[in-house]
Structures are given as structure tokens and as C-alpha cells.
C-alpha atoms as a PDB file:
ATOM      1  CA  MET A   1      19.349 -79.779 -81.712  1.00  0.00           C
ATOM      2  CA  SER A   2      17.914 -76.878 -79.481  1.00  0.00           C
ATOM      3  CA  ASP A   3      14.991 -74.610 -80.642  1.00  0.00           C
ATOM      4  CA  PRO A   4      15.872 -71.543 -82.379  1.00  0.00           C
ATOM      5  CA  LEU A   5      15.928 -68.770 -79.374  1.00  0.00           C
ATOM      6  CA  LEU A   6      14.842 -66.334 -81.924  1.00  0.00           C
ATOM      7  CA  GLN A   7      12.416 -66.391 -85.081  1.00  0.00           C
ATOM      8  CA  VAL A   8      12.136 -63.915 -87.374  1.00  0.00           C
ATOM      9  CA  GLU A   9       9.125 -65.555 -89.759  1.00  0.00           C
ATOM     10  CA  ASP A  10       8.233 -63.570 -92.737  1.00  0.00           C
ATOM     11  CA  VAL A  11       8.389 -59.863 -91.528  1.00  0.00           C
ATOM     12  CA  HIS A  12       6.986 -56.479 -93.306  1.00  0.00           C
ATOM     13  CA  THR A  13       7.967 -53.741 -91.913  1.00  0.00           C
ATOM     14  CA  TYR A  14       6.648 -50.272 -92.865  1.00  0.00           C
ATOM     15  CA  TYR A  15       7.893 -46.536 -91.943  1.00  0.00           C
ATOM     16  CA  GLY A  16       4.391 -44.858 -93.030  1.00  0.00           C
ATOM     17  CA  ASP A  17       3.721 -45.639 -96.588  1.00  0.00           C
ATOM     18  CA  SER A  18       7.553 -46.765 -97.116  1.00  0.00           C
ATOM     19  CA  TYR A  19       7.854 -49.940 -97.213  1.00  0.00           C
ATOM     20  CA  VAL A  20      11.237 -51.332 -95.623  1.00  0.00           C
ATOM     21  CA  LEU A  21      11.236 -54.895 -94.482  1.00  0.00           C
ATOM     22  CA  GLN A  22       9.711 -57.191 -97.104  1.00  0.00           C
ATOM     23  CA  GLY A  23       9.411 -60.858 -95.574  1.00  0.00           C
ATOM     24  CA  LEU A  24      12.244 -61.494 -93.852  1.00  0.00           C
ATOM     25  CA  SER A  25      12.774 -64.875 -92.427  1.00  0.00           C
ATOM     26  CA  MET A  26      16.005 -66.081 -90.222  1.00  0.00           C
ATOM     27  CA  LYS A  27      16.876 -67.290 -86.751  1.00  0.00           C
ATOM     28  CA  LEU A  28      19.032 -67.454 -84.230  1.00  0.00           C
ATOM     29  CA  ASP A  29      20.246 -70.414 -81.686  1.00  0.00           C
ATOM     30  CA  PRO A  30      21.145 -69.802 -78.067  1.00  0.00           C
ATOM     31  CA  GLY A  31      24.436 -68.537 -77.299  1.00  0.00           C
ATOM     32  CA  ARG A  32      25.232 -67.688 -81.254  1.00  0.00           C
ATOM     33  CA  ILE A  33      26.359 -64.690 -82.920  1.00  0.00           C
ATOM     34  CA  VAL A  34      24.492 -63.886 -85.567  1.00  0.00           C
ATOM     35  CA  ALA A  35      25.323 -60.272 -87.653  1.00  0.00           C
ATOM     36  CA  ILE A  36      23.163 -58.707 -90.253  1.00  0.00           C
ATOM     37  CA  LEU A  37      24.841 -57.458 -93.049  1.00  0.00           C
ATOM     38  CA  GLY A  38      24.341 -54.425 -95.801  1.00  0.00           C
ATOM     39  CA  ARG A  39      25.129 -50.950 -97.153  1.00  0.00           C
ATOM     40  CA  ASN A  40      23.298 -47.781 -95.529  1.00  0.00           C
ATOM     41  CA  GLY A  41      19.240 -47.535 -95.540  1.00  0.00           C
ATOM     42  CA  MET A  42      18.664 -51.178 -96.579  1.00  0.00           C
ATOM     43  CA  GLY A  43      16.660 -52.038 -93.695  1.00  0.00           C
ATOM     44  CA  LYS A  44      19.412 -53.102 -91.052  1.00  0.00           C
ATOM     45  CA  THR A  45      18.882 -51.297 -88.082  1.00  0.00           C
ATOM     46  CA  THR A  46      14.668 -51.398 -89.100  1.00  0.00           C
ATOM     47  CA  LEU A  47      15.255 -55.072 -88.249  1.00  0.00           C
ATOM     48  CA  ILE A  48      16.864 -54.586 -84.525  1.00  0.00           C
ATOM     49  CA  ARG A  49      13.439 -52.310 -84.288  1.00  0.00           C
ATOM     50  CA  THR A  50      10.901 -54.918 -85.404  1.00  0.00           C
ATOM     51  CA  VAL A  51      12.702 -57.570 -83.031  1.00  0.00           C
ATOM     52  CA  SER A  52      12.887 -54.857 -79.843  1.00  0.00           C
ATOM     53  CA  GLY A  53       9.147 -53.927 -80.137  1.00  0.00           C
ATOM     54  CA  LEU A  54      10.131 -50.130 -81.426  1.00  0.00           C
ATOM     55  CA  THR A  55       8.795 -50.893 -85.030  1.00  0.00           C
ATOM     56  CA  PRO A  56       6.271 -53.543 -85.539  1.00  0.00           C
ATOM     57  CA  PRO A  57       5.840 -55.358 -88.377  1.00  0.00           C
ATOM     58  CA  ARG A  58       2.665 -54.999 -89.975  1.00  0.00           C
ATOM     59  CA  ARG A  59       2.868 -58.597 -91.146  1.00  0.00           C
ATOM     60  CA  GLY A  60       4.481 -61.904 -90.640  1.00  0.00           C
ATOM     61  CA  ASP A  61       5.930 -62.643 -86.681  1.00  0.00           C
ATOM     62  CA  VAL A  62       8.846 -62.114 -84.054  1.00  0.00           C
ATOM     63  CA  ARG A  63       8.998 -65.318 -81.925  1.00  0.00           C
ATOM     64  CA  PHE A  64      11.315 -65.586 -78.575  1.00  0.00           C
ATOM     65  CA  GLN A  65      12.043 -68.786 -76.564  1.00  0.00           C
ATOM     66  CA  GLY A  66       9.342 -70.334 -78.789  1.00  0.00           C
ATOM     67  CA  ARG A  67       6.682 -67.511 -77.913  1.00  0.00           C
ATOM     68  CA  SER A  68       4.906 -64.504 -80.030  1.00  0.00           C
ATOM     69  CA  LEU A  69       6.174 -61.127 -79.442  1.00  0.00           C
ATOM     70  CA  ALA A  70       3.562 -59.729 -81.143  1.00  0.00           C
ATOM     71  CA  GLY A  71       1.193 -57.058 -79.579  1.00  0.00           C
ATOM     72  CA  ARG A  72       4.011 -56.547 -77.348  1.00  0.00           C
ATOM     73  CA  PRO A  73       5.294 -53.098 -76.316  1.00  0.00           C
ATOM     74  CA  ALA A  74       8.816 -52.333 -76.185  1.00  0.00           C
ATOM     75  CA  TYR A  75       9.270 -52.619 -72.515  1.00  0.00           C
ATOM     76  CA  SER A  76       7.843 -55.936 -72.201  1.00  0.00           C
ATOM     77  CA  ILE A  77      10.202 -57.098 -74.816  1.00  0.00           C
ATOM     78  CA  ALA A  78      12.646 -56.222 -72.705  1.00  0.00           C
ATOM     79  CA  GLN A  79      11.313 -57.534 -69.839  1.00  0.00           C
ATOM     80  CA  ALA A  80      11.130 -61.001 -71.763  1.00  0.00           C
ATOM     81  CA  GLY A  81      14.842 -60.839 -72.267  1.00  0.00           C
ATOM     82  CA  ILE A  82      16.005 -58.837 -75.374  1.00  0.00           C
ATOM     83  CA  ALA A  83      18.160 -56.280 -74.173  1.00  0.00           C
ATOM     84  CA  LEU A  84      19.190 -53.263 -76.825  1.00  0.00           C
ATOM     85  CA  VAL A  85      22.268 -51.454 -77.437  1.00  0.00           C
ATOM     86  CA  PRO A  86      21.775 -48.476 -79.673  1.00  0.00           C
ATOM     87  CA  GLN A  87      23.485 -47.276 -82.485  1.00  0.00           C
ATOM     88  CA  GLY A  88      25.163 -44.339 -81.179  1.00  0.00           C
ATOM     89  CA  ARG A  89      25.601 -45.768 -77.739  1.00  0.00           C
ATOM     90  CA  ARG A  90      22.894 -43.022 -76.022  1.00  0.00           C
ATOM     91  CA  VAL A  91      24.711 -43.166 -72.390  1.00  0.00           C
ATOM     92  CA  TYR A  92      23.104 -41.040 -70.187  1.00  0.00           C
ATOM     93  CA  ARG A  93      25.986 -38.002 -70.314  1.00  0.00           C
ATOM     94  CA  SER A  94      24.742 -36.480 -66.995  1.00  0.00           C
ATOM     95  CA  LEU A  95      24.818 -39.661 -65.086  1.00  0.00           C
ATOM     96  CA  THR A  96      27.859 -41.324 -63.668  1.00  0.00           C
ATOM     97  CA  VAL A  97      28.720 -44.279 -64.843  1.00  0.00           C
ATOM     98  CA  ARG A  98      27.144 -45.944 -62.217  1.00  0.00           C
ATOM     99  CA  GLU A  99      24.143 -44.354 -62.326  1.00  0.00           C
ATOM    100  CA  ASN A 100      23.692 -45.514 -66.043  1.00  0.00           C
ATOM    101  CA  LEU A 101      24.459 -49.065 -64.664  1.00  0.00           C
ATOM    102  CA  GLN A 102      22.188 -49.187 -62.382  1.00  0.00           C
ATOM    103  CA  LEU A 103      18.819 -48.061 -64.915  1.00  0.00           C
ATOM    104  CA  PRO A 104      18.463 -51.517 -66.073  1.00  0.00           C
ATOM    105  CA  THR A 105      17.454 -52.191 -62.144  1.00  0.00           C
ATOM    106  CA  SER A 106      14.895 -50.201 -61.152  1.00  0.00           C
ATOM    107  CA  SER A 107      11.769 -51.388 -59.666  1.00  0.00           C
ATOM    108  CA  LEU A 108       9.522 -50.199 -63.283  1.00  0.00           C
ATOM    109  CA  ALA A 109      11.967 -52.062 -65.310  1.00  0.00           C
ATOM    110  CA  ARG A 110      11.251 -55.442 -63.409  1.00  0.00           C
ATOM    111  CA  PRO A 111      14.706 -56.711 -63.702  1.00  0.00           C
ATOM    112  CA  ARG A 112      15.542 -60.470 -64.469  1.00  0.00           C
ATOM    113  CA  LYS A 113      17.938 -62.464 -61.873  1.00  0.00           C
ATOM    114  CA  GLY A 114      20.944 -63.902 -62.843  1.00  0.00           C
ATOM    115  CA  ARG A 115      24.886 -63.526 -62.886  1.00  0.00           C
ATOM    116  CA  TRP A 116      24.753 -60.138 -64.043  1.00  0.00           C
ATOM    117  CA  ASN A 117      25.068 -57.741 -61.137  1.00  0.00           C
ATOM    118  CA  LEU A 118      27.207 -54.420 -60.835  1.00  0.00           C
ATOM    119  CA  GLU A 119      30.147 -56.241 -59.445  1.00  0.00           C
ATOM    120  CA  ALA A 120      30.275 -58.704 -62.093  1.00  0.00           C
ATOM    121  CA  ILE A 121      29.888 -55.885 -65.039  1.00  0.00           C
ATOM    122  CA  LEU A 122      32.908 -54.214 -63.327  1.00  0.00           C
ATOM    123  CA  ASN A 123      35.096 -57.252 -63.519  1.00  0.00           C
ATOM    124  CA  GLU A 124      34.062 -57.846 -66.910  1.00  0.00           C
ATOM    125  CA  PHE A 125      34.801 -54.450 -67.679  1.00  0.00           C
ATOM    126  CA  PRO A 126      37.485 -53.092 -65.314  1.00  0.00           C
ATOM    127  CA  GLN A 127      37.914 -49.718 -67.429  1.00  0.00           C
ATOM    128  CA  LEU A 128      34.368 -48.642 -66.361  1.00  0.00           C
ATOM    129  CA  ALA A 129      35.400 -49.545 -62.597  1.00  0.00           C
ATOM    130  CA  GLU A 130      38.279 -47.028 -62.908  1.00  0.00           C
ATOM    131  CA  ARG A 131      35.503 -44.458 -64.180  1.00  0.00           C
ATOM    132  CA  ILE A 132      32.488 -45.251 -61.759  1.00  0.00           C
ATOM    133  CA  GLY A 133      32.356 -42.179 -60.270  1.00  0.00           C
ATOM    134  CA  HIS A 134      32.987 -40.062 -63.959  1.00  0.00           C
ATOM    135  CA  PHE A 135      30.047 -38.795 -65.693  1.00  0.00           C
ATOM    136  CA  GLY A 136      28.911 -40.657 -69.142  1.00  0.00           C
ATOM    137  CA  GLY A 137      29.570 -37.111 -71.090  1.00  0.00           C
ATOM    138  CA  GLU A 138      33.404 -37.852 -69.968  1.00  0.00           C
ATOM    139  CA  LEU A 139      34.052 -41.056 -71.189  1.00  0.00           C
ATOM    140  CA  SER A 140      35.938 -41.926 -74.780  1.00  0.00           C
ATOM    141  CA  GLY A 141      34.008 -43.818 -77.417  1.00  0.00           C
ATOM    142  CA  GLY A 142      34.971 -46.904 -76.716  1.00  0.00           C
ATOM    143  CA  GLU A 143      34.326 -46.342 -72.865  1.00  0.00           C
ATOM    144  CA  GLN A 144      31.039 -45.423 -73.531  1.00  0.00           C
ATOM    145  CA  GLN A 145      30.281 -49.014 -75.695  1.00  0.00           C
ATOM    146  CA  MET A 146      31.337 -50.729 -73.029  1.00  0.00           C
ATOM    147  CA  LEU A 147      29.044 -48.934 -70.737  1.00  0.00           C
ATOM    148  CA  ALA A 148      26.609 -49.345 -73.219  1.00  0.00           C
ATOM    149  CA  VAL A 149      26.701 -52.960 -73.233  1.00  0.00           C
ATOM    150  CA  GLY A 150      27.378 -53.220 -69.405  1.00  0.00           C
ATOM    151  CA  ARG A 151      24.170 -51.733 -69.102  1.00  0.00           C
ATOM    152  CA  ALA A 152      21.789 -53.907 -71.510  1.00  0.00           C
ATOM    153  CA  LEU A 153      23.643 -56.720 -69.666  1.00  0.00           C
ATOM    154  CA  MET A 154      22.249 -55.455 -65.972  1.00  0.00           C
ATOM    155  CA  ALA A 155      19.338 -56.962 -67.543  1.00  0.00           C
ATOM    156  CA  ASN A 156      20.786 -60.089 -67.739  1.00  0.00           C
ATOM    157  CA  PRO A 157      18.908 -60.171 -71.078  1.00  0.00           C
ATOM    158  CA  SER A 158      19.116 -64.178 -73.413  1.00  0.00           C
ATOM    159  CA  LEU A 159      19.779 -62.190 -76.264  1.00  0.00           C
ATOM    160  CA  VAL A 160      21.536 -58.713 -76.900  1.00  0.00           C
ATOM    161  CA  LEU A 161      20.542 -56.658 -79.774  1.00  0.00           C
ATOM    162  CA  MET A 162      23.734 -54.535 -81.289  1.00  0.00           C
ATOM    163  CA  ASP A 163      23.560 -51.791 -83.579  1.00  0.00           C
ATOM    164  CA  GLU A 164      26.384 -50.967 -85.281  1.00  0.00           C
ATOM    165  CA  PRO A 165      28.699 -51.243 -82.285  1.00  0.00           C
ATOM    166  CA  SER A 166      31.784 -50.250 -83.871  1.00  0.00           C
ATOM    167  CA  GLU A 167      29.998 -46.967 -85.683  1.00  0.00           C
ATOM    168  CA  GLY A 168      33.137 -43.878 -84.702  1.00  0.00           C
ATOM    169  CA  LEU A 169      35.346 -46.114 -83.277  1.00  0.00           C
ATOM    170  CA  SER A 170      39.631 -46.392 -84.184  1.00  0.00           C
ATOM    171  CA  PRO A 171      40.484 -49.776 -85.470  1.00  0.00           C
ATOM    172  CA  ARG A 172      42.019 -51.042 -82.097  1.00  0.00           C
ATOM    173  CA  LEU A 173      38.686 -50.207 -80.157  1.00  0.00           C
ATOM    174  CA  VAL A 174      37.127 -52.002 -82.768  1.00  0.00           C
ATOM    175  CA  LEU A 175      38.981 -55.199 -81.979  1.00  0.00           C
ATOM    176  CA  GLN A 176      38.495 -54.824 -78.302  1.00  0.00           C
ATOM    177  CA  VAL A 177      34.212 -54.872 -79.089  1.00  0.00           C
ATOM    178  CA  GLY A 178      35.020 -58.004 -81.403  1.00  0.00           C
ATOM    179  CA  GLU A 179      36.818 -59.482 -77.954  1.00  0.00           C
ATOM    180  CA  MET A 180      33.925 -58.200 -76.291  1.00  0.00           C
ATOM    181  CA  MET A 181      30.972 -59.813 -78.155  1.00  0.00           C
ATOM    182  CA  LYS A 182      33.415 -63.388 -77.907  1.00  0.00           C
ATOM    183  CA  ARG A 183      32.931 -62.726 -74.807  1.00  0.00           C
ATOM    184  CA  LEU A 184      29.727 -62.759 -74.545  1.00  0.00           C
ATOM    185  CA  ARG A 185      29.166 -65.658 -76.478  1.00  0.00           C
ATOM    186  CA  GLU A 186      31.359 -67.567 -74.060  1.00  0.00           C
ATOM    187  CA  HIS A 187      28.770 -66.672 -71.195  1.00  0.00           C
ATOM    188  CA  GLY A 188      26.251 -68.020 -73.299  1.00  0.00           C
ATOM    189  CA  LEU A 189      24.349 -65.069 -74.370  1.00  0.00           C
ATOM    190  CA  ALA A 190      23.187 -64.701 -78.486  1.00  0.00           C
ATOM    191  CA  VAL A 191      24.174 -61.509 -79.767  1.00  0.00           C
ATOM    192  CA  LEU A 192      22.386 -59.922 -82.785  1.00  0.00           C
ATOM    193  CA  LEU A 193      24.382 -57.951 -84.207  1.00  0.00           C
ATOM    194  CA  VAL A 194      24.173 -55.494 -87.289  1.00  0.00           C
ATOM    195  CA  GLU A 195      26.998 -54.432 -88.767  1.00  0.00           C
ATOM    196  CA  GLN A 196      28.909 -52.100 -91.652  1.00  0.00           C
ATOM    197  CA  ASN A 197      32.394 -53.406 -90.445  1.00  0.00           C
ATOM    198  CA  LEU A 198      33.181 -56.637 -92.655  1.00  0.00           C
ATOM    199  CA  ALA A 199      36.263 -57.287 -90.910  1.00  0.00           C
ATOM    200  CA  LEU A 200      34.470 -57.241 -87.486  1.00  0.00           C
ATOM    201  CA  ALA A 201      30.790 -59.051 -88.119  1.00  0.00           C
ATOM    202  CA  MET A 202      33.414 -61.805 -90.180  1.00  0.00           C
ATOM    203  CA  SER A 203      35.814 -62.655 -87.165  1.00  0.00           C
ATOM    204  CA  VAL A 204      33.028 -62.994 -84.550  1.00  0.00           C
ATOM    205  CA  ALA A 205      29.791 -64.096 -86.370  1.00  0.00           C
ATOM    206  CA  ASP A 206      28.682 -67.497 -86.421  1.00  0.00           C
ATOM    207  CA  TYR A 207      26.242 -67.026 -89.014  1.00  0.00           C
ATOM    208  CA  LEU A 208      26.077 -63.707 -91.427  1.00  0.00           C
ATOM    209  CA  TYR A 209      23.136 -62.627 -93.450  1.00  0.00           C
ATOM    210  CA  VAL A 210      23.134 -59.523 -96.104  1.00  0.00           C
ATOM    211  CA  LEU A 211      20.667 -57.612 -96.721  1.00  0.00           C
ATOM    212  CA  ALA A 212      19.480 -55.364 -99.394  1.00  0.00           C
ATOM    213  CA  SER A 213      16.379 -53.130 -99.910  1.00  0.00           C
ATOM    214  CA  GLY A 214      14.672 -55.105 -97.465  1.00  0.00           C
ATOM    215  CA  ARG A 215      15.322 -58.426 -98.350  1.00  0.00           C
ATOM    216  CA  PHE A 216      18.053 -61.006 -97.810  1.00  0.00           C
ATOM    217  CA  VAL A 217      20.015 -61.806-100.405  1.00  0.00           C
ATOM    218  CA  PHE A 218      22.372 -64.638 -98.895  1.00  0.00           C
ATOM    219  CA  GLU A 219      22.719 -66.384 -95.865  1.00  0.00           C
ATOM    220  CA  GLY A 220      25.031 -68.256 -94.831  1.00  0.00           C
ATOM    221  CA  THR A 221      28.810 -69.229 -92.561  1.00  0.00           C
ATOM    222  CA  PRO A 222      31.606 -66.183 -92.993  1.00  0.00           C
ATOM    223  CA  GLU A 223      33.368 -68.736 -94.880  1.00  0.00           C
ATOM    224  CA  GLN A 224      30.769 -69.057 -97.323  1.00  0.00           C
ATOM    225  CA  LEU A 225      30.375 -65.298 -97.662  1.00  0.00           C
ATOM    226  CA  SER A 226      34.355 -65.065 -98.478  1.00  0.00           C
ATOM    227  CA  ARG A 227      34.061 -67.632-101.577  1.00  0.00           C
ATOM    228  CA  GLU A 228      31.029 -65.310-102.731  1.00  0.00           C
ATOM    229  CA  PRO A 229      32.653 -62.313-104.423  1.00  0.00           C
ATOM    230  CA  ALA A 230      29.218 -60.961-106.586  1.00  0.00           C
ATOM    231  CA  VAL A 231      27.626 -60.558-103.271  1.00  0.00           C
ATOM    232  CA  LEU A 232      30.903 -58.778-101.503  1.00  0.00           C
ATOM    233  CA  ASP A 233      31.137 -56.692-104.242  1.00  0.00           C
ATOM    234  CA  GLU A 234      27.222 -55.803-105.294  1.00  0.00           C
ATOM    235  CA  HIS A 235      26.223 -55.603-101.833  1.00  0.00           C
ATOM    236  CA  LEU A 236      28.619 -55.120 -99.193  1.00  0.00           C
ATOM    237  CA  GLY A 237      31.099 -52.840-101.527  1.00  0.00           C
ATOM    238  CA  VAL A 238      34.609 -55.123-101.164  1.00  0.00           C
ATOM    239  CA  SER A 239      36.534 -57.328-103.609  1.00  0.00           C
ATOM    240  CA  ARG A 240      37.546 -60.779-102.211  1.00  0.00           C
ATOM    241  CA  ARG A 241      40.961 -59.836-101.667  1.00  0.00           C
ATOM    242  CA  ARG A 242      40.411 -57.314 -98.956  1.00  0.00           C
ATOM    243  CA  ILE A 243      38.989 -59.775 -96.649  1.00  0.00           C
END
């Protein structure tokens, strides 16, 4: 069995005096999708920020491909092979689709070599090819999400962090996001998914963690979670009948 791609080891993360992540440990294997579930304010996005180096932990360690990320700035972690698709997509509205996609390939970004280039991205997302000369602000929410994912892939990462990718999207587009994540897995990429849409997470994830008040209260497969009505009701606000 291969070593974990990502290991979070007894991580404690603060915002000032606010104690957010309280001793979290988890792992993610290569080519797998792991979802972090929980209500608002439980620390999901903080976990993404901790892994990406935007909010480093005060205690504990994050290890990627067997190496500690402690003390490394966010840009160095990105160069190591971790790409972030942020909450709200955050595409550059005044840049074209082409310009947005080319940002990770600048000499300052020190791009990694791999299968993902502009041609590969446009083949993967034909809608972006049709909109290549349009500005980011002219795209629909679904197109902006594709652009955010495509921009992340241009860095040729081994791990993609996705923070609430279904936010603000119609049910039809949420299904497209799910299919997109499955295709990433087929290409051998690992995905760490933060999501409030339980149905989406259950449909794509290989393994799930439920986060409440900075601690994991459940971990297991989607099938195992579906058999935990107390966790579903108390920490996710849904009944078993709605899965």
C-alpha cells in the first residue's frame, strides 16, 4: 500500500486568540477524494487554509509526499504540488479566460511540468474553449468554477484543495462539478474537498470526515456515514431519509 499523499498530524490552528482547529489528524492517499463536512463555522475552510499555508498551525504538522510543510510560505507549498480552488472561485474578472489560465505558468509561479497545459485544459472543459476570449466577469457561475479548476490544474498539482465548489450553483451545475471531480480522480489527482452539499460529497468522496467545533466527530466511507443517523442529524442537519 502506498504512503499517504497528505498527512495532517495533531494540528492546532488559531485566528488570534480564537482556537479553531483543536488537534486534527487525517490522511489522504494518492488519487483519492476525501471530503470534509460540517456546518458553517466549524473550521472547514480553516483546515484548507492550514494545508495550503495561508493560516499555519501553531502546533502539529502537515506532511505532503512525506515531507513536512512546517514553516513554508503558501507560494512554496503551491510550488510543491498543492493547488487551491478557493471558495467563491475568485477568478480575475478583468482578465480573459486565456489570461486567467496562464497565470500559474508565469516564471514567478515556477510551474511544474506535467500533462496539464492550455490545450489539455480546453479539451477537458470545452465550454472554456468557446469562451477563451471572454472576460472572467462575463462567465456564468458554472463557467467560473470550471475556470477556477482549470487555473489550478495549470500548475500541474498532485493535490487539489476545493473549498465549497458547489456554492451558489444550480442543481444541474452541481452535478457537473461532481463529474468534474470524478474526472480529476481518473486522471490520478487527489482532491481534498470542503463541502456543505452532503449529496455531492457522498456521491464523489472515497472517505469522509465530519468536523464540529474544530474536532472530527466522524470518519469513514459514505456508506458508513449513511448508517449514522445521530451524526447526520446533530452535525449535518439532515435525516437519514434525505440521503
